[in-house]
Amino acid sequence: MGNHVVHKPFLYILFQFLIIIIIVLVSESRFCLAEPKDTVPANFVFGDSLVDAGNNNYIVSLSKADFPPNGIDFGQPTGRYTNGRTIVDIIGQEIGLSGFTPPFLAPNTSGLTVLQGVNFASGGGGILNHTGKIFGGRINLDAQMDNFANTRQEIISRIGNAASNKLLQNALFSITIGSNDFINNYLTPCLSKLEQKLVPPELFVAAMISRFRLQLTRLYSMGARKIVVANVGPIGCIPFQREINPSAGDGCAVFPNLVAELFNTQLRTLVTQLSANLHASEFIYADVYHIVDDIVNNYSSYGFENPNSACCHVAGRFGGLIPCGPTSKVCEDRSKYVFWDAYHPTDAVNSIIAMRLINGDLADIWPINIKQLMGQSHMG
């Protein structure tokens, strides 16, 4: 009886103490969750269908990929314009993200999720605001920047100015855009013939560079510091351009590649100027043109069997006349094809591009690669 009386207050005090400890631990864990993770940087993605993770699922547009056979090796269609992962999906995995960077327009992209990054890319989007108008809805780069401004405010309201600045300074920003400004603007069959006569390629490219300069400077002004800018790939080699330029025979269409290279030369100069002029910025020039050109020309050494035709195809010599859709035929082994559809590479090619941007030499990415940009500790 006496023993029972002695232990009751002791057990009561112990119980109360444990309750306090639990409350403190829960509070601390909530606080830690709200802080940006130092070990894994956030990943903010801008661009077009090469890196769209599903934003176009939520807008009225002719440019969509939320149906089979897209995503056939991803498990399901997600709005990615390929059979599996995009370049930025793979880079995100390599820098240590636990999942794929979510699309801005997805309903669940809010709260703590945005502290790990957001994907703003949109199929059909371009540097110039009238690019992609043939699709109806698309989110061009100016609008993507507006969306990032909203996300930035959400981050600030959640963790405060100082922590937000640190998060953004350490984050990886990537911009993969410009192809549509040519394919679905300057080079659009029939629609652009008059423009090509009135506006020489040099003037068109100058307009792109002028606009892009403002957009990249705006991104810097909103806190971005580590910014990877991908150039335009060899668009003359995609199945669609091969189809509409039959005079090229088995080769890539010459003029589309020439205008891409014209743009890329000026883009490299722009990236160099921005890094020199904007304090503490690291603008990186990703030479996707060089990497894809190498894969197309030396495809067998990479294990590919088909460097010029769409795996997902309906009609045309190269399967590039009609976009990939539910009625399309799909090649049996996607890993043997360079191109998934009329416009986009396969997961296998995206993986090569991503790894060369992460670990590549000065011929692939300049002046440093993504591993060097983000620091060895983030890259496993």
Protein backbone atom coordinates (compact mmCIF):
# COMPACT_ATOMS: atom_id res chain seq x y z
CA MET A 1 0.00 0.00 0.00
CA GLY A 2 2.80 2.40 1.03
CA ASN A 3 4.78 1.58 -2.12
CA HIS A 4 1.77 2.45 -4.28
CA VAL A 5 1.43 5.89 -2.66
CA VAL A 6 5.17 6.62 -3.17
CA HIS A 7 5.22 5.74 -6.90
CA LYS A 8 2.01 7.44 -8.01
CA PRO A 9 3.34 11.05 -8.03
CA PHE A 10 6.62 9.81 -9.50
CA LEU A 11 4.84 8.08 -12.41
CA TYR A 12 2.61 11.11 -12.88
CA ILE A 13 5.62 13.46 -13.07
CA LEU A 14 7.40 11.05 -15.44
CA PHE A 15 4.33 10.91 -17.68
CA GLN A 16 4.08 14.73 -17.76
CA PHE A 17 7.79 14.97 -18.54
CA LEU A 18 7.42 12.54 -21.46
CA ILE A 19 4.47 14.57 -22.79
CA ILE A 20 6.62 17.72 -22.74
CA ILE A 21 9.48 15.91 -24.52
CA ILE A 22 7.08 14.68 -27.24
CA ILE A 23 5.66 18.19 -27.74
CA VAL A 24 9.17 19.63 -28.06
CA LEU A 25 10.24 16.92 -30.53
CA VAL A 26 7.13 17.42 -32.68
CA SER A 27 7.67 21.18 -32.69
CA GLU A 28 11.33 20.74 -33.61
CA SER A 29 10.49 18.30 -36.39
CA ARG A 30 7.98 20.74 -37.86
CA PHE A 31 10.56 23.49 -37.71
CA CYS A 32 13.15 21.27 -39.42
CA LEU A 33 10.69 20.34 -42.15
CA ALA A 34 10.11 24.00 -42.89
CA GLU A 35 13.82 24.67 -43.29
CA PRO A 36 15.40 24.14 -46.73
CA LYS A 37 17.51 21.00 -46.82
CA ASP A 38 21.23 21.73 -46.94
CA THR A 39 22.13 18.30 -48.25
CA VAL A 40 19.91 18.29 -51.33
CA PRO A 41 19.50 21.48 -53.37
CA ALA A 42 16.17 22.50 -54.83
CA ASN A 43 15.61 22.02 -58.56
CA PHE A 44 13.77 24.69 -60.57
CA VAL A 45 13.05 23.83 -64.19
CA PHE A 46 12.05 26.10 -67.08
CA GLY A 47 11.61 25.14 -70.71
CA ASP A 48 9.54 23.40 -73.36
CA SER A 49 8.32 19.86 -74.12
CA LEU A 50 11.84 18.46 -73.76
CA VAL A 51 11.50 18.96 -69.99
CA ASP A 52 7.74 19.45 -69.37
CA ALA A 53 6.63 17.12 -66.56
CA GLY A 54 2.89 17.65 -67.02
CA ASN A 55 2.02 21.36 -66.93
CA ASN A 56 0.21 21.10 -70.25
CA ASN A 57 -2.14 18.52 -68.71
CA TYR A 58 -3.82 21.45 -66.97
CA ILE A 59 -4.26 23.87 -69.88
CA VAL A 60 -6.30 23.84 -73.09
CA SER A 61 -3.68 23.06 -75.72
CA LEU A 62 -3.05 21.00 -78.83
CA SER A 63 0.38 20.19 -77.37
CA LYS A 64 -0.21 17.39 -74.88
CA ALA A 65 1.36 14.09 -73.88
CA ASP A 66 -1.01 12.82 -71.18
CA PHE A 67 -2.09 9.77 -73.19
CA PRO A 68 -0.54 6.45 -74.23
CA PRO A 69 1.87 5.39 -75.53
CA ASN A 70 3.73 8.33 -73.93
CA GLY A 71 5.17 7.18 -70.62
CA ILE A 72 5.15 3.52 -71.69
CA ASP A 73 8.39 2.95 -69.73
CA PHE A 74 7.48 5.40 -66.97
CA GLY A 75 4.55 3.28 -65.85
CA GLN A 76 1.85 5.58 -67.20
CA PRO A 77 1.39 8.77 -69.25
CA THR A 78 2.31 11.78 -67.12
CA GLY A 79 2.50 14.61 -69.62
CA ARG A 80 6.16 13.90 -70.43
CA TYR A 81 6.81 13.88 -74.17
CA THR A 82 8.84 10.69 -74.16
CA ASN A 83 8.66 7.01 -73.28
CA GLY A 84 10.25 7.50 -69.86
CA ARG A 85 12.15 10.23 -68.07
CA THR A 86 13.22 13.66 -69.27
CA ILE A 87 16.75 15.06 -68.99
CA VAL A 88 15.85 17.06 -65.86
CA ASP A 89 14.18 14.04 -64.23
CA ILE A 90 17.49 12.19 -64.47
CA ILE A 91 19.55 15.17 -63.29
CA GLY A 92 17.18 15.55 -60.32
CA GLN A 93 17.71 11.91 -59.38
CA GLU A 94 21.48 12.36 -59.61
CA ILE A 95 21.58 15.43 -57.35
CA GLY A 96 19.71 13.42 -54.74
CA LEU A 97 16.06 14.45 -54.99
CA SER A 98 13.71 11.88 -53.49
CA GLY A 99 11.19 12.20 -56.31
CA PHE A 100 10.67 13.99 -59.61
CA THR A 101 10.35 17.79 -59.55
CA PRO A 102 6.56 18.39 -59.78
CA PRO A 103 4.81 20.52 -62.43
CA PHE A 104 3.77 23.99 -61.26
CA LEU A 105 0.11 23.55 -62.28
CA ALA A 106 -0.40 20.22 -60.49
CA PRO A 107 -2.89 20.74 -57.61
CA ASN A 108 -0.54 19.15 -55.04
CA THR A 109 2.45 21.35 -55.93
CA SER A 110 2.21 23.54 -52.85
CA GLY A 111 3.31 23.79 -49.23
CA LEU A 112 6.55 22.07 -48.28
CA THR A 113 6.80 20.47 -51.73
CA VAL A 114 7.93 23.69 -53.40
CA LEU A 115 10.99 23.89 -51.12
CA GLN A 116 12.52 21.06 -53.18
CA GLY A 117 11.79 22.79 -56.48
CA VAL A 118 9.14 23.19 -59.14
CA ASN A 119 8.96 22.45 -62.87
CA PHE A 120 7.51 25.38 -64.86
CA ALA A 121 8.20 23.99 -68.37
CA SER A 122 5.46 23.82 -70.99
CA GLY A 123 5.19 21.93 -74.27
CA GLY A 124 5.05 24.38 -77.17
CA GLY A 125 6.59 27.18 -75.12
CA GLY A 126 9.28 29.48 -76.42
CA ILE A 127 11.43 32.50 -75.69
CA LEU A 128 9.24 34.72 -77.87
CA ASN A 129 5.64 35.19 -76.78
CA HIS A 130 4.08 34.46 -80.17
CA THR A 131 5.95 31.15 -80.47
CA GLY A 132 3.69 28.07 -80.38
CA LYS A 133 0.46 29.96 -81.11
CA ILE A 134 -0.49 27.10 -83.48
CA PHE A 135 -1.06 24.98 -80.33
CA GLY A 136 -3.38 27.46 -78.66
CA GLY A 137 -2.48 27.14 -74.99
CA ARG A 138 1.17 27.02 -73.92
CA ILE A 139 3.21 28.75 -71.24
CA ASN A 140 5.99 30.80 -72.80
CA LEU A 141 9.10 31.75 -70.86
CA ASP A 142 7.85 35.16 -69.71
CA ALA A 143 4.79 33.48 -68.17
CA GLN A 144 7.01 30.76 -66.63
CA MET A 145 9.00 33.54 -64.96
CA ASP A 146 5.74 35.03 -63.64
CA ASN A 147 4.84 31.63 -62.19
CA PHE A 148 8.25 31.36 -60.53
CA ALA A 149 7.74 34.82 -59.00
CA ASN A 150 4.57 33.45 -57.34
CA THR A 151 6.39 30.34 -56.12
CA ARG A 152 9.20 32.52 -54.74
CA GLN A 153 6.69 34.52 -52.72
CA GLU A 154 5.21 31.28 -51.39
CA ILE A 155 8.68 30.14 -50.28
CA ILE A 156 9.37 33.49 -48.58
CA SER A 157 6.05 33.41 -46.74
CA ARG A 158 6.84 29.90 -45.49
CA ILE A 159 10.49 30.16 -44.38
CA GLY A 160 11.31 33.90 -44.44
CA ASN A 161 13.63 36.05 -46.53
CA ALA A 162 17.01 34.89 -45.24
CA ALA A 163 16.28 31.16 -45.59
CA SER A 164 14.65 31.76 -48.99
CA ASN A 165 17.70 33.59 -50.29
CA LYS A 166 19.92 30.74 -49.15
CA LEU A 167 17.64 28.12 -50.72
CA LEU A 168 17.60 29.94 -54.08
CA GLN A 169 21.33 30.65 -54.07
CA ASN A 170 22.07 26.94 -53.61
CA ALA A 171 19.35 25.69 -55.95
CA LEU A 172 19.87 24.34 -59.45
CA PHE A 173 18.06 26.35 -62.12
CA SER A 174 17.87 25.03 -65.68
CA ILE A 175 16.37 26.51 -68.83
CA THR A 176 15.82 24.29 -71.88
CA ILE A 177 14.08 26.40 -74.48
CA GLY A 178 14.41 27.84 -77.99
CA SER A 179 13.59 24.88 -80.24
CA ASN A 180 9.96 25.90 -80.62
CA ASP A 181 10.96 29.41 -81.62
CA PHE A 182 12.33 27.76 -84.74
CA ILE A 183 10.23 24.60 -85.27
CA ASN A 184 6.86 26.16 -84.38
CA ASN A 185 7.54 29.74 -85.37
CA TYR A 186 10.28 30.68 -87.82
CA LEU A 187 10.38 27.29 -89.58
CA THR A 188 6.66 26.40 -89.45
CA PRO A 189 5.75 24.83 -92.83
CA CYS A 190 3.64 27.12 -95.04
CA LEU A 191 2.84 29.59 -92.23
CA SER A 192 6.33 31.05 -91.96
CA LYS A 193 7.44 31.33 -95.59
CA LEU A 194 6.57 35.03 -95.71
CA GLU A 195 8.35 35.70 -92.43
CA GLN A 196 11.51 33.96 -93.67
CA LYS A 197 11.49 36.25 -96.74
CA LEU A 198 10.94 39.40 -94.71
CA VAL A 199 13.10 38.52 -91.68
CA PRO A 200 16.55 37.01 -92.27
CA PRO A 201 17.70 34.39 -89.72
CA GLU A 202 20.18 36.85 -88.19
CA LEU A 203 17.40 39.28 -87.26
CA PHE A 204 15.15 36.55 -85.88
CA VAL A 205 17.96 35.15 -83.74
CA ALA A 206 18.86 38.65 -82.54
CA ALA A 207 15.25 39.11 -81.35
CA MET A 208 15.44 35.78 -79.48
CA ILE A 209 18.74 36.67 -77.80
CA SER A 210 17.51 40.15 -76.84
CA ARG A 211 14.40 38.70 -75.17
CA PHE A 212 16.34 35.84 -73.54
CA ARG A 213 18.80 38.32 -72.03
CA LEU A 214 15.94 40.10 -70.23
CA GLN A 215 14.42 36.81 -69.05
CA LEU A 216 17.69 35.40 -67.65
CA THR A 217 18.48 38.71 -65.96
CA ARG A 218 15.02 38.69 -64.38
CA LEU A 219 15.62 35.17 -63.07
CA TYR A 220 18.87 36.35 -61.49
CA SER A 221 17.08 39.33 -59.94
CA MET A 222 14.66 36.90 -58.27
CA GLY A 223 17.50 35.10 -56.49
CA ALA A 224 18.75 32.44 -58.93
CA ARG A 225 22.54 32.04 -58.98
CA LYS A 226 23.36 28.59 -60.38
CA ILE A 227 21.76 28.67 -63.83
CA VAL A 228 22.27 26.03 -66.53
CA VAL A 229 21.22 27.24 -69.97
CA ALA A 230 20.82 24.52 -72.61
CA ASN A 231 21.35 25.48 -76.22
CA VAL A 232 19.13 24.37 -79.12
CA GLY A 233 19.84 20.85 -80.36
CA PRO A 234 20.32 19.75 -83.98
CA ILE A 235 16.64 20.25 -84.85
CA GLY A 236 17.30 19.40 -88.49
CA CYS A 237 17.87 15.80 -87.39
CA ILE A 238 14.47 15.20 -85.77
CA PRO A 239 12.13 12.92 -87.77
CA PHE A 240 9.68 15.79 -88.44
CA GLN A 241 12.31 17.98 -90.10
CA ARG A 242 13.63 15.01 -92.08
CA GLU A 243 10.11 14.43 -93.43
CA ILE A 244 9.48 18.03 -94.55
CA ASN A 245 12.96 18.37 -96.04
CA PRO A 246 13.13 15.31 -98.34
CA SER A 247 15.99 16.84 -100.35
CA ALA A 248 18.24 16.03 -97.37
CA GLY A 249 17.92 12.33 -98.25
CA ASP A 250 19.26 10.23 -95.40
CA GLY A 251 20.96 13.19 -93.76
CA CYS A 252 19.72 15.89 -91.40
CA ALA A 253 17.97 18.95 -92.82
CA VAL A 254 20.66 21.60 -93.29
CA PHE A 255 18.88 24.96 -92.82
CA PRO A 256 17.24 24.18 -89.44
CA ASN A 257 20.63 23.13 -88.07
CA LEU A 258 22.28 26.27 -89.44
CA VAL A 259 19.80 28.58 -87.68
CA ALA A 260 20.17 26.55 -84.48
CA GLU A 261 23.95 26.97 -84.64
CA LEU A 262 23.56 30.67 -85.36
CA PHE A 263 21.47 31.02 -82.19
CA ASN A 264 23.84 28.85 -80.15
CA THR A 265 26.88 30.94 -81.02
CA GLN A 266 25.16 34.08 -79.77
CA LEU A 267 23.74 32.25 -76.74
CA ARG A 268 27.22 31.24 -75.60
CA THR A 269 28.30 34.88 -75.80
CA LEU A 270 25.21 35.90 -73.82
CA VAL A 271 25.88 33.33 -71.09
CA THR A 272 29.50 34.53 -70.85
CA GLN A 273 28.41 38.18 -70.55
CA LEU A 274 25.80 37.45 -67.88
CA SER A 275 28.28 35.53 -65.72
CA ALA A 276 30.77 38.38 -66.01
CA ASN A 277 28.30 41.17 -65.32
CA LEU A 278 25.94 39.75 -62.68
CA HIS A 279 27.61 39.50 -59.28
CA ALA A 280 28.06 35.99 -57.80
CA SER A 281 26.20 34.38 -60.70
CA GLU A 282 27.21 31.10 -62.33
CA PHE A 283 25.65 30.82 -65.78
CA ILE A 284 26.51 27.50 -67.43
CA TYR A 285 26.30 26.82 -71.17
CA ALA A 286 25.05 23.28 -71.83
CA ASP A 287 25.97 22.22 -75.37
CA VAL A 288 23.10 19.83 -76.04
CA TYR A 289 23.62 20.37 -79.79
CA HIS A 290 27.11 18.88 -79.58
CA ILE A 291 25.97 15.91 -77.46
CA VAL A 292 22.95 14.97 -79.63
CA ASP A 293 24.92 15.53 -82.86
CA ASP A 294 27.54 13.13 -81.52
CA ILE A 295 24.87 10.52 -80.66
CA VAL A 296 23.18 10.80 -84.09
CA ASN A 297 26.48 10.54 -86.00
CA ASN A 298 27.97 7.78 -83.84
CA TYR A 299 24.78 6.02 -82.81
CA SER A 300 26.08 2.47 -83.03
CA SER A 301 28.90 3.20 -80.58
CA TYR A 302 26.22 4.15 -78.05
CA GLY A 303 24.27 0.94 -78.65
CA PHE A 304 21.54 2.46 -80.83
CA GLU A 305 20.28 0.87 -84.04
CA ASN A 306 18.04 3.64 -85.38
CA PRO A 307 19.28 7.27 -85.37
CA ASN A 308 16.69 8.93 -87.61
CA SER A 309 13.19 7.48 -87.18
CA ALA A 310 10.48 7.85 -84.54
CA CYS A 311 9.89 4.84 -82.30
CA CYS A 312 6.29 6.00 -81.86
CA HIS A 313 5.10 6.42 -85.44
CA VAL A 314 2.09 6.53 -87.74
CA ALA A 315 3.15 7.75 -91.17
CA GLY A 316 6.11 9.00 -93.15
CA ARG A 317 9.48 7.62 -94.19
CA PHE A 318 10.90 8.50 -90.75
CA GLY A 319 7.62 8.26 -88.84
CA GLY A 320 7.65 12.00 -88.37
CA LEU A 321 4.56 13.22 -90.20
CA ILE A 322 1.97 12.68 -87.47
CA PRO A 323 2.46 13.23 -83.71
CA CYS A 324 2.63 10.24 -81.37
CA GLY A 325 -0.81 9.16 -80.16
CA PRO A 326 -3.00 6.24 -79.07
CA THR A 327 -3.23 4.89 -82.65
CA SER A 328 0.54 4.99 -83.21
CA LYS A 329 2.72 1.94 -83.59
CA VAL A 330 5.53 1.62 -81.06
CA CYS A 331 8.93 0.04 -81.63
CA GLU A 332 9.60 -3.03 -79.53
CA ASP A 333 12.92 -1.93 -78.01
CA ARG A 334 12.92 1.77 -77.16
CA SER A 335 16.54 1.58 -75.99
CA LYS A 336 17.66 1.08 -79.61
CA TYR A 337 16.05 4.31 -80.89
CA VAL A 338 17.44 7.83 -80.64
CA PHE A 339 14.01 9.44 -81.15
CA TRP A 340 10.84 8.58 -79.27
CA ASP A 341 8.51 10.51 -81.59
CA ALA A 342 8.67 13.11 -84.37
CA TYR A 343 10.32 15.67 -82.08
CA HIS A 344 11.68 14.21 -78.85
CA PRO A 345 14.46 11.84 -77.77
CA THR A 346 13.96 8.57 -75.93
CA ASP A 347 14.68 7.98 -72.25
CA ALA A 348 17.91 6.26 -73.36
CA VAL A 349 19.16 9.43 -75.11
CA ASN A 350 17.93 11.68 -72.29
CA SER A 351 20.01 9.59 -69.90
CA ILE A 352 23.17 10.07 -71.99
CA ILE A 353 22.56 13.81 -72.27
CA ALA A 354 21.92 14.14 -68.53
CA MET A 355 25.03 12.22 -67.50
CA ARG A 356 27.23 14.20 -69.90
CA LEU A 357 25.87 17.47 -68.51
CA ILE A 358 26.57 16.22 -64.99
CA ASN A 359 30.05 14.82 -65.60
CA GLY A 360 31.04 16.14 -69.04
CA ASP A 361 34.11 18.02 -70.19
CA LEU A 362 34.30 21.51 -71.72
CA ALA A 363 33.03 20.22 -75.07
CA ASP A 364 29.72 19.21 -73.43
CA ILE A 365 29.16 21.91 -70.82
CA TRP A 366 31.05 25.13 -70.10
CA PRO A 367 32.80 26.47 -68.05
CA ILE A 368 32.05 23.74 -65.48
CA ASN A 369 29.73 20.72 -65.36
CA ILE A 370 26.72 20.27 -63.07
CA LYS A 371 28.65 18.10 -60.61
CA GLN A 372 31.19 20.90 -60.18
CA LEU A 373 28.46 23.55 -60.08
CA MET A 374 26.51 21.86 -57.30
CA GLY A 375 29.49 20.60 -55.32
CA GLN A 376 30.63 16.98 -55.01
CA SER A 377 28.67 16.41 -51.77
CA HIS A 378 25.34 16.77 -53.54
CA MET A 379 26.15 14.31 -56.30
CA GLY A 380 26.76 11.12 -54.39
